[in-house]
Amino acid sequence: VKIEALRHLSMYLKSQDRRREAVPVWEEWHTAAPEDIRPCVELAMVYEWHEVDFERAMKWAQEALVCLSHWPAGWRRDRAWEEIQHRAERLKTKLERG
């Protein structure tokens, strides 16, 4: 129930363009459900696109990959891995540019 409440609250805040308020909710969601990549991806996006903090965005993209490493093999894992790896590569390029 707690995880669902955190998910709903964070998505509501995001829909209201209140991402800064959603950040601690996503962090708590990740702590409560460390195998779930969704809060990691949301945090990576907020730090990449809204806070323009590429190092923090990369940290969360890498954390999403750690989460995925615990998923069973299969197409869902493969697809999610590709998407997050693409994000990490883009962030690496941005970090190299300074």
N, C-alpha and C. Protein backbone atom coordinates (compact mmCIF):
# COMPACT_ATOMS: atom_id res chain seq x y z
N VAL A 1 0.84 -1.19 0.00
CA VAL A 1 0.00 0.00 0.00
C VAL A 1 0.88 1.26 0.00
N LYS A 2 1.94 1.25 0.80
CA LYS A 2 2.83 2.41 0.88
C LYS A 2 3.45 2.72 -0.49
N ILE A 3 3.90 1.69 -1.17
CA ILE A 3 4.55 1.90 -2.47
C ILE A 3 3.56 2.49 -3.47
N GLU A 4 2.35 1.98 -3.47
CA GLU A 4 1.33 2.52 -4.38
C GLU A 4 1.00 3.97 -4.03
N ALA A 5 0.95 4.27 -2.75
CA ALA A 5 0.68 5.65 -2.34
C ALA A 5 1.80 6.58 -2.79
N LEU A 6 3.04 6.14 -2.64
CA LEU A 6 4.18 6.94 -3.09
C LEU A 6 4.15 7.13 -4.61
N ARG A 7 3.82 6.07 -5.32
CA ARG A 7 3.74 6.15 -6.78
C ARG A 7 2.68 7.15 -7.20
N HIS A 8 1.51 7.05 -6.63
CA HIS A 8 0.42 7.96 -6.99
C HIS A 8 0.74 9.41 -6.62
N LEU A 9 1.29 9.61 -5.43
CA LEU A 9 1.64 10.97 -5.01
C LEU A 9 2.69 11.57 -5.93
N SER A 10 3.72 10.81 -6.23
CA SER A 10 4.79 11.35 -7.09
C SER A 10 4.28 11.67 -8.49
N MET A 11 3.45 10.82 -9.04
CA MET A 11 2.92 11.08 -10.38
C MET A 11 1.94 12.26 -10.37
N TYR A 12 1.21 12.41 -9.28
CA TYR A 12 0.33 13.58 -9.16
C TYR A 12 1.17 14.87 -9.13
N LEU A 13 2.21 14.87 -8.31
CA LEU A 13 3.08 16.05 -8.23
C LEU A 13 3.72 16.35 -9.59
N LYS A 14 4.15 15.31 -10.27
CA LYS A 14 4.74 15.50 -11.60
C LYS A 14 3.70 16.10 -12.55
N SER A 15 2.48 15.61 -12.51
CA SER A 15 1.43 16.12 -13.41
C SER A 15 1.09 17.57 -13.12
N GLN A 16 1.35 18.01 -11.90
CA GLN A 16 1.10 19.40 -11.50
C GLN A 16 2.35 20.27 -11.70
N ASP A 17 3.38 19.72 -12.35
CA ASP A 17 4.66 20.40 -12.58
C ASP A 17 5.31 20.80 -11.26
N ARG A 18 5.20 19.91 -10.29
CA ARG A 18 5.79 20.13 -8.96
C ARG A 18 6.86 19.07 -8.72
N ARG A 19 7.77 18.96 -9.68
CA ARG A 19 8.79 17.92 -9.65
C ARG A 19 9.72 18.03 -8.45
N ARG A 20 10.06 19.23 -8.06
CA ARG A 20 10.96 19.37 -6.89
C ARG A 20 10.33 18.76 -5.65
N GLU A 21 9.03 18.89 -5.51
CA GLU A 21 8.34 18.28 -4.38
C GLU A 21 8.27 16.76 -4.55
N ALA A 22 8.30 16.29 -5.78
CA ALA A 22 8.22 14.86 -6.04
C ALA A 22 9.55 14.15 -5.78
N VAL A 23 10.67 14.88 -5.84
CA VAL A 23 11.98 14.25 -5.69
C VAL A 23 12.08 13.43 -4.41
N PRO A 24 11.78 13.96 -3.22
CA PRO A 24 11.89 13.11 -2.03
C PRO A 24 10.90 11.95 -2.02
N VAL A 25 9.78 12.11 -2.70
CA VAL A 25 8.81 11.02 -2.79
C VAL A 25 9.39 9.90 -3.66
N TRP A 26 9.99 10.24 -4.80
CA TRP A 26 10.64 9.23 -5.64
C TRP A 26 11.78 8.55 -4.89
N GLU A 27 12.53 9.33 -4.12
CA GLU A 27 13.63 8.72 -3.34
C GLU A 27 13.08 7.74 -2.32
N GLU A 28 12.00 8.10 -1.64
CA GLU A 28 11.40 7.20 -0.66
C GLU A 28 10.84 5.96 -1.34
N TRP A 29 10.22 6.15 -2.52
CA TRP A 29 9.69 5.03 -3.29
C TRP A 29 10.83 4.07 -3.64
N HIS A 30 11.96 4.62 -4.08
CA HIS A 30 13.11 3.76 -4.42
C HIS A 30 13.59 2.99 -3.19
N THR A 31 13.63 3.63 -2.05
CA THR A 31 14.06 2.96 -0.82
C THR A 31 13.09 1.84 -0.46
N ALA A 32 11.80 2.09 -0.64
CA ALA A 32 10.78 1.10 -0.29
C ALA A 32 10.70 -0.04 -1.29
N ALA A 33 11.07 0.23 -2.54
CA ALA A 33 10.99 -0.79 -3.61
C ALA A 33 12.25 -0.72 -4.47
N PRO A 34 13.39 -1.17 -3.95
CA PRO A 34 14.66 -0.99 -4.66
C PRO A 34 14.77 -1.73 -5.99
N GLU A 35 13.87 -2.66 -6.26
CA GLU A 35 13.90 -3.38 -7.53
C GLU A 35 13.11 -2.66 -8.63
N ASP A 36 12.38 -1.63 -8.26
CA ASP A 36 11.54 -0.89 -9.21
C ASP A 36 12.36 0.22 -9.85
N ILE A 37 12.46 0.19 -11.18
CA ILE A 37 13.29 1.18 -11.87
C ILE A 37 12.58 2.52 -12.04
N ARG A 38 11.25 2.54 -11.92
CA ARG A 38 10.50 3.76 -12.24
C ARG A 38 10.94 4.99 -11.43
N PRO A 39 11.14 4.90 -10.12
CA PRO A 39 11.58 6.12 -9.43
C PRO A 39 12.98 6.56 -9.87
N CYS A 40 13.84 5.60 -10.17
CA CYS A 40 15.19 5.95 -10.65
C CYS A 40 15.13 6.69 -11.97
N VAL A 41 14.28 6.21 -12.88
CA VAL A 41 14.15 6.85 -14.18
C VAL A 41 13.56 8.25 -14.02
N GLU A 42 12.56 8.38 -13.17
CA GLU A 42 11.97 9.71 -12.93
C GLU A 42 13.00 10.67 -12.37
N LEU A 43 13.81 10.20 -11.44
CA LEU A 43 14.85 11.06 -10.86
C LEU A 43 15.91 11.41 -11.90
N ALA A 44 16.29 10.45 -12.72
CA ALA A 44 17.26 10.73 -13.78
C ALA A 44 16.72 11.81 -14.73
N MET A 45 15.43 11.69 -15.07
CA MET A 45 14.84 12.68 -15.98
C MET A 45 14.78 14.06 -15.34
N VAL A 46 14.37 14.13 -14.09
CA VAL A 46 14.24 15.44 -13.45
C VAL A 46 15.61 16.11 -13.34
N TYR A 47 16.64 15.34 -13.02
CA TYR A 47 17.97 15.94 -12.90
C TYR A 47 18.57 16.27 -14.27
N GLU A 48 18.24 15.51 -15.27
CA GLU A 48 18.77 15.82 -16.61
C GLU A 48 18.06 17.03 -17.21
N TRP A 49 16.75 17.06 -17.20
CA TRP A 49 16.00 18.04 -17.96
C TRP A 49 15.54 19.26 -17.18
N HIS A 50 15.35 19.12 -15.88
CA HIS A 50 14.79 20.24 -15.11
C HIS A 50 15.80 20.89 -14.18
N GLU A 51 16.65 20.08 -13.57
CA GLU A 51 17.67 20.63 -12.67
C GLU A 51 19.00 20.83 -13.39
N VAL A 52 19.16 20.23 -14.55
CA VAL A 52 20.39 20.28 -15.36
C VAL A 52 21.60 19.93 -14.48
N ASP A 53 21.48 18.80 -13.79
CA ASP A 53 22.54 18.26 -12.97
C ASP A 53 22.85 16.87 -13.54
N PHE A 54 23.76 16.85 -14.52
CA PHE A 54 24.02 15.63 -15.26
C PHE A 54 24.68 14.55 -14.41
N GLU A 55 25.47 14.95 -13.43
CA GLU A 55 26.10 13.96 -12.55
C GLU A 55 25.05 13.21 -11.74
N ARG A 56 24.10 13.94 -11.17
CA ARG A 56 23.03 13.29 -10.41
C ARG A 56 22.14 12.46 -11.33
N ALA A 57 21.88 12.97 -12.52
CA ALA A 57 21.08 12.22 -13.48
C ALA A 57 21.77 10.90 -13.81
N MET A 58 23.08 10.94 -14.01
CA MET A 58 23.85 9.73 -14.31
C MET A 58 23.80 8.76 -13.13
N LYS A 59 23.90 9.27 -11.92
CA LYS A 59 23.81 8.42 -10.74
C LYS A 59 22.51 7.64 -10.74
N TRP A 60 21.40 8.31 -11.05
CA TRP A 60 20.10 7.64 -11.03
C TRP A 60 19.93 6.70 -12.22
N ALA A 61 20.50 7.03 -13.36
CA ALA A 61 20.46 6.11 -14.50
C ALA A 61 21.24 4.84 -14.16
N GLN A 62 22.38 5.00 -13.53
CA GLN A 62 23.17 3.84 -13.13
C GLN A 62 22.46 3.02 -12.06
N GLU A 63 21.77 3.70 -11.15
CA GLU A 63 21.00 3.00 -10.12
C GLU A 63 19.88 2.19 -10.77
N ALA A 64 19.27 2.72 -11.82
CA ALA A 64 18.23 1.98 -12.55
C ALA A 64 18.82 0.70 -13.16
N LEU A 65 20.04 0.79 -13.68
CA LEU A 65 20.69 -0.39 -14.24
C LEU A 65 20.97 -1.43 -13.15
N VAL A 66 21.34 -0.96 -11.97
CA VAL A 66 21.54 -1.89 -10.84
C VAL A 66 20.23 -2.60 -10.52
N CYS A 67 19.13 -1.84 -10.49
CA CYS A 67 17.81 -2.45 -10.25
C CYS A 67 17.52 -3.51 -11.29
N LEU A 68 17.79 -3.17 -12.55
CA LEU A 68 17.51 -4.10 -13.64
C LEU A 68 18.34 -5.37 -13.57
N SER A 69 19.51 -5.28 -12.99
CA SER A 69 20.37 -6.46 -12.91
C SER A 69 19.75 -7.55 -12.04
N HIS A 70 18.75 -7.20 -11.25
CA HIS A 70 18.06 -8.17 -10.40
C HIS A 70 16.79 -8.73 -11.06
N TRP A 71 16.42 -8.18 -12.21
CA TRP A 71 15.24 -8.65 -12.92
C TRP A 71 15.57 -9.97 -13.63
N PRO A 72 14.57 -10.82 -13.81
CA PRO A 72 14.82 -12.05 -14.59
C PRO A 72 15.06 -11.70 -16.06
N ALA A 73 15.84 -12.53 -16.71
CA ALA A 73 16.13 -12.32 -18.14
C ALA A 73 14.83 -12.38 -18.93
N GLY A 74 14.79 -11.59 -19.98
CA GLY A 74 13.61 -11.59 -20.83
C GLY A 74 13.49 -10.28 -21.58
N TRP A 75 12.48 -10.19 -22.42
CA TRP A 75 12.34 -9.03 -23.29
C TRP A 75 12.08 -7.75 -22.50
N ARG A 76 11.34 -7.81 -21.39
CA ARG A 76 11.08 -6.59 -20.61
C ARG A 76 12.38 -6.01 -20.06
N ARG A 77 13.20 -6.89 -19.51
CA ARG A 77 14.49 -6.44 -18.99
C ARG A 77 15.36 -5.90 -20.11
N ASP A 78 15.40 -6.61 -21.23
CA ASP A 78 16.23 -6.18 -22.36
C ASP A 78 15.81 -4.81 -22.87
N ARG A 79 14.52 -4.60 -23.00
CA ARG A 79 14.02 -3.32 -23.50
C ARG A 79 14.32 -2.19 -22.53
N ALA A 80 14.06 -2.42 -21.25
CA ALA A 80 14.33 -1.40 -20.24
C ALA A 80 15.83 -1.10 -20.19
N TRP A 81 16.66 -2.14 -20.28
CA TRP A 81 18.11 -1.97 -20.26
C TRP A 81 18.56 -1.08 -21.42
N GLU A 82 18.03 -1.34 -22.62
CA GLU A 82 18.39 -0.53 -23.79
C GLU A 82 18.01 0.93 -23.60
N GLU A 83 16.82 1.18 -23.08
CA GLU A 83 16.36 2.55 -22.88
C GLU A 83 17.22 3.29 -21.86
N ILE A 84 17.54 2.62 -20.77
CA ILE A 84 18.33 3.28 -19.73
C ILE A 84 19.78 3.43 -20.18
N GLN A 85 20.29 2.45 -20.89
CA GLN A 85 21.65 2.55 -21.42
C GLN A 85 21.76 3.72 -22.39
N HIS A 86 20.73 3.91 -23.21
CA HIS A 86 20.70 5.05 -24.13
C HIS A 86 20.74 6.36 -23.35
N ARG A 87 19.96 6.45 -22.28
CA ARG A 87 19.96 7.64 -21.42
C ARG A 87 21.36 7.86 -20.83
N ALA A 88 21.97 6.80 -20.34
CA ALA A 88 23.30 6.91 -19.73
C ALA A 88 24.34 7.39 -20.75
N GLU A 89 24.25 6.89 -21.98
CA GLU A 89 25.17 7.33 -23.03
C GLU A 89 24.99 8.81 -23.34
N ARG A 90 23.74 9.25 -23.40
CA ARG A 90 23.46 10.67 -23.65
C ARG A 90 24.02 11.52 -22.52
N LEU A 91 23.83 11.06 -21.30
CA LEU A 91 24.35 11.80 -20.14
C LEU A 91 25.88 11.83 -20.14
N LYS A 92 26.49 10.73 -20.53
CA LYS A 92 27.96 10.69 -20.61
C LYS A 92 28.46 11.74 -21.58
N THR A 93 27.79 11.86 -22.72
CA THR A 93 28.17 12.87 -23.72
C THR A 93 28.02 14.27 -23.13
N LYS A 94 26.93 14.52 -22.45
CA LYS A 94 26.70 15.83 -21.83
C LYS A 94 27.74 16.14 -20.77
N LEU A 95 28.12 15.13 -19.99
CA LEU A 95 29.14 15.33 -18.95
C LEU A 95 30.50 15.62 -19.58
N GLU A 96 30.82 14.97 -20.67
CA GLU A 96 32.10 15.19 -21.34
C GLU A 96 32.19 16.58 -21.94
N ARG A 97 31.06 17.11 -22.38
CA ARG A 97 31.04 18.48 -22.93
C ARG A 97 31.23 19.54 -21.86
N GLY A 98 30.92 19.17 -20.64
CA GLY A 98 31.07 20.13 -19.55
C GLY A 98 29.86 20.90 -19.37
